[in-house]
Amino acid sequence: QLAFDGIGDDGRPIPGGRYLYKVAATD
């Protein structure tokens, strides 16, 4: 589990709304 803080890659809070998350993993 990850506690996402609501901050985007630009360092600013992302607007409220729906988002999709995906996970990538390599061996």
mmCIF file of all heavy atoms, coordinates in Angstrom:
data_MODEL
# 
_entry.id   MODEL 
# 
loop_
_atom_site.group_PDB 
_atom_site.id 
_atom_site.type_symbol 
_atom_site.label_atom_id 
_atom_site.label_alt_id 
_atom_site.label_comp_id 
_atom_site.label_asym_id 
_atom_site.label_entity_id 
_atom_site.label_seq_id 
_atom_site.pdbx_PDB_ins_code 
_atom_site.Cartn_x 
_atom_site.Cartn_y 
_atom_site.Cartn_z 
_atom_site.occupancy 
_atom_site.B_iso_or_equiv 
_atom_site.pdbx_formal_charge 
_atom_site.auth_seq_id 
_atom_site.auth_comp_id 
_atom_site.auth_asym_id 
_atom_site.auth_atom_id 
_atom_site.pdbx_PDB_model_num 
ATOM 1   N N   . GLN A 1 1  ? 0.847   -1.189  0.000   1.00 0.00 ? 1  GLN A N   1 
ATOM 2   C CA  . GLN A 1 1  ? 0.000   0.000   0.000   1.00 0.00 ? 1  GLN A CA  1 
ATOM 3   C C   . GLN A 1 1  ? 0.880   1.236   0.000   1.00 0.00 ? 1  GLN A C   1 
ATOM 4   O O   . GLN A 1 1  ? 1.895   1.292   0.684   1.00 0.00 ? 1  GLN A O   1 
ATOM 5   C CB  . GLN A 1 1  ? -0.889  -0.012  1.243   1.00 0.00 ? 1  GLN A CB  1 
ATOM 6   C CG  . GLN A 1 1  ? -1.802  1.185   1.351   1.00 0.00 ? 1  GLN A CG  1 
ATOM 7   C CD  . GLN A 1 1  ? -2.768  1.055   2.512   1.00 0.00 ? 1  GLN A CD  1 
ATOM 8   O OE1 . GLN A 1 1  ? -3.445  0.059   2.619   1.00 0.00 ? 1  GLN A OE1 1 
ATOM 9   N NE2 . GLN A 1 1  ? -2.809  2.061   3.374   1.00 0.00 ? 1  GLN A NE2 1 
ATOM 10  N N   . LEU A 1 2  ? 0.471   2.228   -0.775  1.00 0.00 ? 2  LEU A N   1 
ATOM 11  C CA  . LEU A 1 2  ? 1.170   3.500   -0.830  1.00 0.00 ? 2  LEU A CA  1 
ATOM 12  C C   . LEU A 1 2  ? 0.187   4.591   -0.423  1.00 0.00 ? 2  LEU A C   1 
ATOM 13  O O   . LEU A 1 2  ? -0.945  4.615   -0.904  1.00 0.00 ? 2  LEU A O   1 
ATOM 14  C CB  . LEU A 1 2  ? 1.669   3.777   -2.254  1.00 0.00 ? 2  LEU A CB  1 
ATOM 15  C CG  . LEU A 1 2  ? 2.212   5.178   -2.500  1.00 0.00 ? 2  LEU A CG  1 
ATOM 16  C CD1 . LEU A 1 2  ? 3.600   5.317   -1.911  1.00 0.00 ? 2  LEU A CD1 1 
ATOM 17  C CD2 . LEU A 1 2  ? 2.217   5.501   -3.973  1.00 0.00 ? 2  LEU A CD2 1 
ATOM 18  N N   . ALA A 1 3  ? 0.599   5.480   0.438   1.00 0.00 ? 3  ALA A N   1 
ATOM 19  C CA  . ALA A 1 3  ? -0.225  6.638   0.809   1.00 0.00 ? 3  ALA A CA  1 
ATOM 20  C C   . ALA A 1 3  ? 0.133   7.769   -0.146  1.00 0.00 ? 3  ALA A C   1 
ATOM 21  O O   . ALA A 1 3  ? 1.146   8.442   0.015   1.00 0.00 ? 3  ALA A O   1 
ATOM 22  C CB  . ALA A 1 3  ? 0.033   7.030   2.252   1.00 0.00 ? 3  ALA A CB  1 
ATOM 23  N N   . PHE A 1 4  ? -0.712  7.962   -1.172  1.00 0.00 ? 4  PHE A N   1 
ATOM 24  C CA  . PHE A 1 4  ? -0.477  9.009   -2.164  1.00 0.00 ? 4  PHE A CA  1 
ATOM 25  C C   . PHE A 1 4  ? -0.861  10.351  -1.563  1.00 0.00 ? 4  PHE A C   1 
ATOM 26  O O   . PHE A 1 4  ? -1.970  10.543  -1.075  1.00 0.00 ? 4  PHE A O   1 
ATOM 27  C CB  . PHE A 1 4  ? -1.275  8.737   -3.432  1.00 0.00 ? 4  PHE A CB  1 
ATOM 28  C CG  . PHE A 1 4  ? -1.194  9.827   -4.448  1.00 0.00 ? 4  PHE A CG  1 
ATOM 29  C CD1 . PHE A 1 4  ? 0.031   10.231  -4.957  1.00 0.00 ? 4  PHE A CD1 1 
ATOM 30  C CD2 . PHE A 1 4  ? -2.341  10.451  -4.910  1.00 0.00 ? 4  PHE A CD2 1 
ATOM 31  C CE1 . PHE A 1 4  ? 0.110   11.245  -5.895  1.00 0.00 ? 4  PHE A CE1 1 
ATOM 32  C CE2 . PHE A 1 4  ? -2.275  11.467  -5.850  1.00 0.00 ? 4  PHE A CE2 1 
ATOM 33  C CZ  . PHE A 1 4  ? -1.048  11.862  -6.342  1.00 0.00 ? 4  PHE A CZ  1 
ATOM 34  N N   . ASP A 1 5  ? 0.065   11.312  -1.630  1.00 0.00 ? 5  ASP A N   1 
ATOM 35  C CA  . ASP A 1 5  ? -0.116  12.610  -0.986  1.00 0.00 ? 5  ASP A CA  1 
ATOM 36  C C   . ASP A 1 5  ? -0.868  13.649  -1.827  1.00 0.00 ? 5  ASP A C   1 
ATOM 37  O O   . ASP A 1 5  ? -1.083  14.771  -1.384  1.00 0.00 ? 5  ASP A O   1 
ATOM 38  C CB  . ASP A 1 5  ? 1.244   13.176  -0.584  1.00 0.00 ? 5  ASP A CB  1 
ATOM 39  C CG  . ASP A 1 5  ? 2.197   13.337  -1.766  1.00 0.00 ? 5  ASP A CG  1 
ATOM 40  O OD1 . ASP A 1 5  ? 1.773   13.145  -2.929  1.00 0.00 ? 5  ASP A OD1 1 
ATOM 41  O OD2 . ASP A 1 5  ? 3.373   13.642  -1.521  1.00 0.00 ? 5  ASP A OD2 1 
ATOM 42  N N   . GLY A 1 6  ? -1.258  13.277  -3.056  1.00 0.00 ? 6  GLY A N   1 
ATOM 43  C CA  . GLY A 1 6  ? -2.014  14.211  -3.889  1.00 0.00 ? 6  GLY A CA  1 
ATOM 44  C C   . GLY A 1 6  ? -1.170  15.221  -4.623  1.00 0.00 ? 6  GLY A C   1 
ATOM 45  O O   . GLY A 1 6  ? -1.689  16.177  -5.194  1.00 0.00 ? 6  GLY A O   1 
ATOM 46  N N   . ILE A 1 7  ? 0.149   15.020  -4.625  1.00 0.00 ? 7  ILE A N   1 
ATOM 47  C CA  . ILE A 1 7  ? 1.071   15.950  -5.294  1.00 0.00 ? 7  ILE A CA  1 
ATOM 48  C C   . ILE A 1 7  ? 1.466   15.371  -6.656  1.00 0.00 ? 7  ILE A C   1 
ATOM 49  O O   . ILE A 1 7  ? 1.815   14.202  -6.762  1.00 0.00 ? 7  ILE A O   1 
ATOM 50  C CB  . ILE A 1 7  ? 2.331   16.191  -4.432  1.00 0.00 ? 7  ILE A CB  1 
ATOM 51  C CG1 . ILE A 1 7  ? 1.955   16.692  -3.035  1.00 0.00 ? 7  ILE A CG1 1 
ATOM 52  C CG2 . ILE A 1 7  ? 3.293   17.141  -5.129  1.00 0.00 ? 7  ILE A CG2 1 
ATOM 53  C CD1 . ILE A 1 7  ? 1.235   18.022  -3.025  1.00 0.00 ? 7  ILE A CD1 1 
ATOM 54  N N   . GLY A 1 8  ? 1.435   16.204  -7.694  1.00 0.00 ? 8  GLY A N   1 
ATOM 55  C CA  . GLY A 1 8  ? 1.829   15.788  -9.034  1.00 0.00 ? 8  GLY A CA  1 
ATOM 56  C C   . GLY A 1 8  ? 3.329   15.858  -9.230  1.00 0.00 ? 8  GLY A C   1 
ATOM 57  O O   . GLY A 1 8  ? 4.077   16.313  -8.350  1.00 0.00 ? 8  GLY A O   1 
ATOM 58  N N   . ASP A 1 9  ? 3.786   15.402  -10.403 1.00 0.00 ? 9  ASP A N   1 
ATOM 59  C CA  . ASP A 1 9  ? 5.221   15.452  -10.720 1.00 0.00 ? 9  ASP A CA  1 
ATOM 60  C C   . ASP A 1 9  ? 5.763   16.877  -10.706 1.00 0.00 ? 9  ASP A C   1 
ATOM 61  O O   . ASP A 1 9  ? 6.952   17.089  -10.487 1.00 0.00 ? 9  ASP A O   1 
ATOM 62  C CB  . ASP A 1 9  ? 5.487   14.824  -12.099 1.00 0.00 ? 9  ASP A CB  1 
ATOM 63  C CG  . ASP A 1 9  ? 5.533   13.305  -12.050 1.00 0.00 ? 9  ASP A CG  1 
ATOM 64  O OD1 . ASP A 1 9  ? 5.847   12.740  -10.979 1.00 0.00 ? 9  ASP A OD1 1 
ATOM 65  O OD2 . ASP A 1 9  ? 5.250   12.674  -13.092 1.00 0.00 ? 9  ASP A OD2 1 
ATOM 66  N N   . ASP A 1 10 ? 4.891   17.868  -10.917 1.00 0.00 ? 10 ASP A N   1 
ATOM 67  C CA  . ASP A 1 10 ? 5.336   19.258  -10.929 1.00 0.00 ? 10 ASP A CA  1 
ATOM 68  C C   . ASP A 1 10 ? 5.450   19.851  -9.520  1.00 0.00 ? 10 ASP A C   1 
ATOM 69  O O   . ASP A 1 10 ? 5.786   21.028  -9.355  1.00 0.00 ? 10 ASP A O   1 
ATOM 70  C CB  . ASP A 1 10 ? 4.401   20.111  -11.792 1.00 0.00 ? 10 ASP A CB  1 
ATOM 71  C CG  . ASP A 1 10 ? 2.957   20.111  -11.289 1.00 0.00 ? 10 ASP A CG  1 
ATOM 72  O OD1 . ASP A 1 10 ? 2.662   19.506  -10.231 1.00 0.00 ? 10 ASP A OD1 1 
ATOM 73  O OD2 . ASP A 1 10 ? 2.113   20.706  -11.982 1.00 0.00 ? 10 ASP A OD2 1 
ATOM 74  N N   . GLY A 1 11 ? 5.164   19.052  -8.482  1.00 0.00 ? 11 GLY A N   1 
ATOM 75  C CA  . GLY A 1 11 ? 5.283   19.525  -7.103  1.00 0.00 ? 11 GLY A CA  1 
ATOM 76  C C   . GLY A 1 11 ? 4.055   20.248  -6.578  1.00 0.00 ? 11 GLY A C   1 
ATOM 77  O O   . GLY A 1 11 ? 4.041   20.696  -5.434  1.00 0.00 ? 11 GLY A O   1 
ATOM 78  N N   . ARG A 1 12 ? 3.010   20.358  -7.402  1.00 0.00 ? 12 ARG A N   1 
ATOM 79  C CA  . ARG A 1 12 ? 1.789   21.041  -6.972  1.00 0.00 ? 12 ARG A CA  1 
ATOM 80  C C   . ARG A 1 12 ? 0.672   20.028  -6.739  1.00 0.00 ? 12 ARG A C   1 
ATOM 81  O O   . ARG A 1 12 ? 0.671   18.955  -7.362  1.00 0.00 ? 12 ARG A O   1 
ATOM 82  C CB  . ARG A 1 12 ? 1.345   22.050  -8.031  1.00 0.00 ? 12 ARG A CB  1 
ATOM 83  C CG  . ARG A 1 12 ? 2.377   23.155  -8.222  1.00 0.00 ? 12 ARG A CG  1 
ATOM 84  C CD  . ARG A 1 12 ? 1.890   24.199  -9.162  1.00 0.00 ? 12 ARG A CD  1 
ATOM 85  N NE  . ARG A 1 12 ? 1.441   23.586  -10.420 1.00 0.00 ? 12 ARG A NE  1 
ATOM 86  C CZ  . ARG A 1 12 ? 1.230   24.237  -11.534 1.00 0.00 ? 12 ARG A CZ  1 
ATOM 87  N NH1 . ARG A 1 12 ? 1.424   25.530  -11.586 1.00 0.00 ? 12 ARG A NH1 1 
ATOM 88  N NH2 . ARG A 1 12 ? 0.830   23.622  -12.625 1.00 0.00 ? 12 ARG A NH2 1 
ATOM 89  N N   . PRO A 1 13 ? -0.281  20.351  -5.878  1.00 0.00 ? 13 PRO A N   1 
ATOM 90  C CA  . PRO A 1 13 ? -1.417  19.445  -5.662  1.00 0.00 ? 13 PRO A CA  1 
ATOM 91  C C   . PRO A 1 13 ? -2.210  19.245  -6.954  1.00 0.00 ? 13 PRO A C   1 
ATOM 92  O O   . PRO A 1 13 ? -2.412  20.192  -7.711  1.00 0.00 ? 13 PRO A O   1 
ATOM 93  C CB  . PRO A 1 13 ? -2.272  20.164  -4.613  1.00 0.00 ? 13 PRO A CB  1 
ATOM 94  C CG  . PRO A 1 13 ? -1.343  21.129  -3.952  1.00 0.00 ? 13 PRO A CG  1 
ATOM 95  C CD  . PRO A 1 13 ? -0.342  21.522  -4.994  1.00 0.00 ? 13 PRO A CD  1 
ATOM 96  N N   . ILE A 1 14 ? -2.616  18.012  -7.203  1.00 0.00 ? 14 ILE A N   1 
ATOM 97  C CA  . ILE A 1 14 ? -3.432  17.749  -8.379  1.00 0.00 ? 14 ILE A CA  1 
ATOM 98  C C   . ILE A 1 14 ? -4.881  18.130  -8.074  1.00 0.00 ? 14 ILE A C   1 
ATOM 99  O O   . ILE A 1 14 ? -5.299  18.095  -6.915  1.00 0.00 ? 14 ILE A O   1 
ATOM 100 C CB  . ILE A 1 14 ? -3.330  16.274  -8.835  1.00 0.00 ? 14 ILE A CB  1 
ATOM 101 C CG1 . ILE A 1 14 ? -3.867  15.318  -7.759  1.00 0.00 ? 14 ILE A CG1 1 
ATOM 102 C CG2 . ILE A 1 14 ? -1.905  15.919  -9.199  1.00 0.00 ? 14 ILE A CG2 1 
ATOM 103 C CD1 . ILE A 1 14 ? -3.938  13.866  -8.221  1.00 0.00 ? 14 ILE A CD1 1 
ATOM 104 N N   . PRO A 1 15 ? -5.634  18.533  -9.089  1.00 0.00 ? 15 PRO A N   1 
ATOM 105 C CA  . PRO A 1 15 ? -7.035  18.899  -8.849  1.00 0.00 ? 15 PRO A CA  1 
ATOM 106 C C   . PRO A 1 15 ? -7.839  17.694  -8.359  1.00 0.00 ? 15 PRO A C   1 
ATOM 107 O O   . PRO A 1 15 ? -7.529  16.549  -8.704  1.00 0.00 ? 15 PRO A O   1 
ATOM 108 C CB  . PRO A 1 15 ? -7.534  19.340  -10.227 1.00 0.00 ? 15 PRO A CB  1 
ATOM 109 C CG  . PRO A 1 15 ? -6.325  19.568  -11.049 1.00 0.00 ? 15 PRO A CG  1 
ATOM 110 C CD  . PRO A 1 15 ? -5.241  18.731  -10.477 1.00 0.00 ? 15 PRO A CD  1 
ATOM 111 N N   . GLY A 1 16 ? -8.855  17.944  -7.568  1.00 0.00 ? 16 GLY A N   1 
ATOM 112 C CA  . GLY A 1 16 ? -9.727  16.875  -7.126  1.00 0.00 ? 16 GLY A CA  1 
ATOM 113 C C   . GLY A 1 16 ? -10.405 16.220  -8.315  1.00 0.00 ? 16 GLY A C   1 
ATOM 114 O O   . GLY A 1 16 ? -10.643 16.856  -9.335  1.00 0.00 ? 16 GLY A O   1 
ATOM 115 N N   . GLY A 1 17 ? -10.698 14.936  -8.196  1.00 0.00 ? 17 GLY A N   1 
ATOM 116 C CA  . GLY A 1 17 ? -11.358 14.208  -9.273  1.00 0.00 ? 17 GLY A CA  1 
ATOM 117 C C   . GLY A 1 17 ? -10.907 12.766  -9.297  1.00 0.00 ? 17 GLY A C   1 
ATOM 118 O O   . GLY A 1 17 ? -10.217 12.279  -8.393  1.00 0.00 ? 17 GLY A O   1 
ATOM 119 N N   . ARG A 1 18 ? -11.278 12.086  -10.372 1.00 0.00 ? 18 ARG A N   1 
ATOM 120 C CA  . ARG A 1 18 ? -10.927 10.676  -10.538 1.00 0.00 ? 18 ARG A CA  1 
ATOM 121 C C   . ARG A 1 18 ? -9.630  10.529  -11.316 1.00 0.00 ? 18 ARG A C   1 
ATOM 122 O O   . ARG A 1 18 ? -9.409  11.227  -12.306 1.00 0.00 ? 18 ARG A O   1 
ATOM 123 C CB  . ARG A 1 18 ? -12.034 9.931   -11.264 1.00 0.00 ? 18 ARG A CB  1 
ATOM 124 C CG  . ARG A 1 18 ? -13.258 9.714   -10.409 1.00 0.00 ? 18 ARG A CG  1 
ATOM 125 C CD  . ARG A 1 18 ? -14.257 8.867   -11.136 1.00 0.00 ? 18 ARG A CD  1 
ATOM 126 N NE  . ARG A 1 18 ? -15.336 8.510   -10.232 1.00 0.00 ? 18 ARG A NE  1 
ATOM 127 C CZ  . ARG A 1 18 ? -16.405 7.858   -10.592 1.00 0.00 ? 18 ARG A CZ  1 
ATOM 128 N NH1 . ARG A 1 18 ? -16.558 7.477   -11.840 1.00 0.00 ? 18 ARG A NH1 1 
ATOM 129 N NH2 . ARG A 1 18 ? -17.342 7.573   -9.713  1.00 0.00 ? 18 ARG A NH2 1 
ATOM 130 N N   . TYR A 1 19 ? -8.817  9.560   -10.858 1.00 0.00 ? 19 TYR A N   1 
ATOM 131 C CA  . TYR A 1 19 ? -7.544  9.244   -11.487 1.00 0.00 ? 19 TYR A CA  1 
ATOM 132 C C   . TYR A 1 19 ? -7.389  7.731   -11.547 1.00 0.00 ? 19 TYR A C   1 
ATOM 133 O O   . TYR A 1 19 ? -8.037  6.997   -10.804 1.00 0.00 ? 19 TYR A O   1 
ATOM 134 C CB  . TYR A 1 19 ? -6.376  9.860   -10.700 1.00 0.00 ? 19 TYR A CB  1 
ATOM 135 C CG  . TYR A 1 19 ? -6.379  11.365  -10.738 1.00 0.00 ? 19 TYR A CG  1 
ATOM 136 C CD1 . TYR A 1 19 ? -7.121  12.099  -9.814  1.00 0.00 ? 19 TYR A CD1 1 
ATOM 137 C CD2 . TYR A 1 19 ? -5.676  12.053  -11.715 1.00 0.00 ? 19 TYR A CD2 1 
ATOM 138 C CE1 . TYR A 1 19 ? -7.146  13.485  -9.868  1.00 0.00 ? 19 TYR A CE1 1 
ATOM 139 C CE2 . TYR A 1 19 ? -5.700  13.437  -11.772 1.00 0.00 ? 19 TYR A CE2 1 
ATOM 140 C CZ  . TYR A 1 19 ? -6.435  14.141  -10.844 1.00 0.00 ? 19 TYR A CZ  1 
ATOM 141 O OH  . TYR A 1 19 ? -6.471  15.513  -10.896 1.00 0.00 ? 19 TYR A OH  1 
ATOM 142 N N   . LEU A 1 20 ? -6.502  7.281   -12.416 1.00 0.00 ? 20 LEU A N   1 
ATOM 143 C CA  . LEU A 1 20 ? -6.193  5.865   -12.569 1.00 0.00 ? 20 LEU A CA  1 
ATOM 144 C C   . LEU A 1 20 ? -4.769  5.634   -12.119 1.00 0.00 ? 20 LEU A C   1 
ATOM 145 O O   . LEU A 1 20 ? -3.882  6.426   -12.435 1.00 0.00 ? 20 LEU A O   1 
ATOM 146 C CB  . LEU A 1 20 ? -6.329  5.461   -14.043 1.00 0.00 ? 20 LEU A CB  1 
ATOM 147 C CG  . LEU A 1 20 ? -5.930  4.032   -14.389 1.00 0.00 ? 20 LEU A CG  1 
ATOM 148 C CD1 . LEU A 1 20 ? -7.091  3.082   -14.108 1.00 0.00 ? 20 LEU A CD1 1 
ATOM 149 C CD2 . LEU A 1 20 ? -5.534  3.926   -15.849 1.00 0.00 ? 20 LEU A CD2 1 
ATOM 150 N N   . TYR A 1 21 ? -4.542  4.566   -11.358 1.00 0.00 ? 21 TYR A N   1 
ATOM 151 C CA  . TYR A 1 21 ? -3.159  4.213   -11.045 1.00 0.00 ? 21 TYR A CA  1 
ATOM 152 C C   . TYR A 1 21 ? -2.854  2.805   -11.512 1.00 0.00 ? 21 TYR A C   1 
ATOM 153 O O   . TYR A 1 21 ? -3.709  1.934   -11.514 1.00 0.00 ? 21 TYR A O   1 
ATOM 154 C CB  . TYR A 1 21 ? -2.840  4.391   -9.556  1.00 0.00 ? 21 TYR A CB  1 
ATOM 155 C CG  . TYR A 1 21 ? -3.408  3.364   -8.611  1.00 0.00 ? 21 TYR A CG  1 
ATOM 156 C CD1 . TYR A 1 21 ? -2.645  2.277   -8.185  1.00 0.00 ? 21 TYR A CD1 1 
ATOM 157 C CD2 . TYR A 1 21 ? -4.698  3.485   -8.109  1.00 0.00 ? 21 TYR A CD2 1 
ATOM 158 C CE1 . TYR A 1 21 ? -3.163  1.347   -7.297  1.00 0.00 ? 21 TYR A CE1 1 
ATOM 159 C CE2 . TYR A 1 21 ? -5.219  2.574   -7.224  1.00 0.00 ? 21 TYR A CE2 1 
ATOM 160 C CZ  . TYR A 1 21 ? -4.446  1.497   -6.822  1.00 0.00 ? 21 TYR A CZ  1 
ATOM 161 O OH  . TYR A 1 21 ? -4.964  0.577   -5.948  1.00 0.00 ? 21 TYR A OH  1 
ATOM 162 N N   . LYS A 1 22 ? -1.600  2.611   -11.967 1.00 0.00 ? 22 LYS A N   1 
ATOM 163 C CA  . LYS A 1 22 ? -1.081  1.330   -12.443 1.00 0.00 ? 22 LYS A CA  1 
ATOM 164 C C   . LYS A 1 22 ? 0.288   1.116   -11.811 1.00 0.00 ? 22 LYS A C   1 
ATOM 165 O O   . LYS A 1 22 ? 0.969   2.073   -11.450 1.00 0.00 ? 22 LYS A O   1 
ATOM 166 C CB  . LYS A 1 22 ? -0.891  1.336   -13.960 1.00 0.00 ? 22 LYS A CB  1 
ATOM 167 C CG  . LYS A 1 22 ? -2.158  1.465   -14.759 1.00 0.00 ? 22 LYS A CG  1 
ATOM 168 C CD  . LYS A 1 22 ? -1.841  1.456   -16.243 1.00 0.00 ? 22 LYS A CD  1 
ATOM 169 C CE  . LYS A 1 22 ? -3.088  1.552   -17.077 1.00 0.00 ? 22 LYS A CE  1 
ATOM 170 N NZ  . LYS A 1 22 ? -2.798  1.490   -18.507 1.00 0.00 ? 22 LYS A NZ  1 
ATOM 171 N N   . VAL A 1 23 ? 0.681   -0.149  -11.716 1.00 0.00 ? 23 VAL A N   1 
ATOM 172 C CA  . VAL A 1 23 ? 1.973   -0.485  -11.134 1.00 0.00 ? 23 VAL A CA  1 
ATOM 173 C C   . VAL A 1 23 ? 2.803   -1.255  -12.159 1.00 0.00 ? 23 VAL A C   1 
ATOM 174 O O   . VAL A 1 23 ? 2.294   -2.155  -12.829 1.00 0.00 ? 23 VAL A O   1 
ATOM 175 C CB  . VAL A 1 23 ? 1.795   -1.329  -9.851  1.00 0.00 ? 23 VAL A CB  1 
ATOM 176 C CG1 . VAL A 1 23 ? 3.137   -1.776  -9.306  1.00 0.00 ? 23 VAL A CG1 1 
ATOM 177 C CG2 . VAL A 1 23 ? 1.026   -0.529  -8.807  1.00 0.00 ? 23 VAL A CG2 1 
ATOM 178 N N   . ALA A 1 24 ? 4.071   -0.880  -12.291 1.00 0.00 ? 24 ALA A N   1 
ATOM 179 C CA  . ALA A 1 24 ? 5.013   -1.593  -13.144 1.00 0.00 ? 24 ALA A CA  1 
ATOM 180 C C   . ALA A 1 24 ? 6.114   -2.165  -12.256 1.00 0.00 ? 24 ALA A C   1 
ATOM 181 O O   . ALA A 1 24 ? 6.584   -1.489  -11.340 1.00 0.00 ? 24 ALA A O   1 
ATOM 182 C CB  . ALA A 1 24 ? 5.606   -0.652  -14.191 1.00 0.00 ? 24 ALA A CB  1 
ATOM 183 N N   . ALA A 1 25 ? 6.502   -3.398  -12.528 1.00 0.00 ? 25 ALA A N   1 
ATOM 184 C CA  . ALA A 1 25 ? 7.558   -4.041  -11.739 1.00 0.00 ? 25 ALA A CA  1 
ATOM 185 C C   . ALA A 1 25 ? 8.443   -4.857  -12.664 1.00 0.00 ? 25 ALA A C   1 
ATOM 186 O O   . ALA A 1 25 ? 7.972   -5.450  -13.634 1.00 0.00 ? 25 ALA A O   1 
ATOM 187 C CB  . ALA A 1 25 ? 6.932   -4.941  -10.672 1.00 0.00 ? 25 ALA A CB  1 
ATOM 188 N N   . THR A 1 26 ? 9.744   -4.864  -12.362 1.00 0.00 ? 26 THR A N   1 
ATOM 189 C CA  . THR A 1 26 ? 10.689  -5.679  -13.123 1.00 0.00 ? 26 THR A CA  1 
ATOM 190 C C   . THR A 1 26 ? 11.451  -6.590  -12.175 1.00 0.00 ? 26 THR A C   1 
ATOM 191 O O   . THR A 1 26 ? 11.675  -6.252  -11.005 1.00 0.00 ? 26 THR A O   1 
ATOM 192 C CB  . THR A 1 26 ? 11.696  -4.810  -13.903 1.00 0.00 ? 26 THR A CB  1 
ATOM 193 O OG1 . THR A 1 26 ? 12.366  -3.939  -12.992 1.00 0.00 ? 26 THR A OG1 1 
ATOM 194 C CG2 . THR A 1 26 ? 10.993  -3.975  -14.959 1.00 0.00 ? 26 THR A CG2 1 
ATOM 195 N N   . ASP A 1 27 ? 11.838  -7.747  -12.693 1.00 0.00 ? 27 ASP A N   1 
ATOM 196 C CA  . ASP A 1 27 ? 12.611  -8.698  -11.893 1.00 0.00 ? 27 ASP A CA  1 
ATOM 197 C C   . ASP A 1 27 ? 14.094  -8.339  -11.974 1.00 0.00 ? 27 ASP A C   1 
ATOM 198 O O   . ASP A 1 27 ? 14.468  -7.399  -12.683 1.00 0.00 ? 27 ASP A O   1 
ATOM 199 C CB  . ASP A 1 27 ? 12.326  -10.134 -12.336 1.00 0.00 ? 27 ASP A CB  1 
ATOM 200 C CG  . ASP A 1 27 ? 12.766  -10.433 -13.769 1.00 0.00 ? 27 ASP A CG  1 
ATOM 201 O OD1 . ASP A 1 27 ? 13.573  -9.666  -14.345 1.00 0.00 ? 27 ASP A OD1 1 
ATOM 202 O OD2 . ASP A 1 27 ? 12.305  -11.440 -14.315 1.00 0.00 ? 27 ASP A OD2 1 
# 
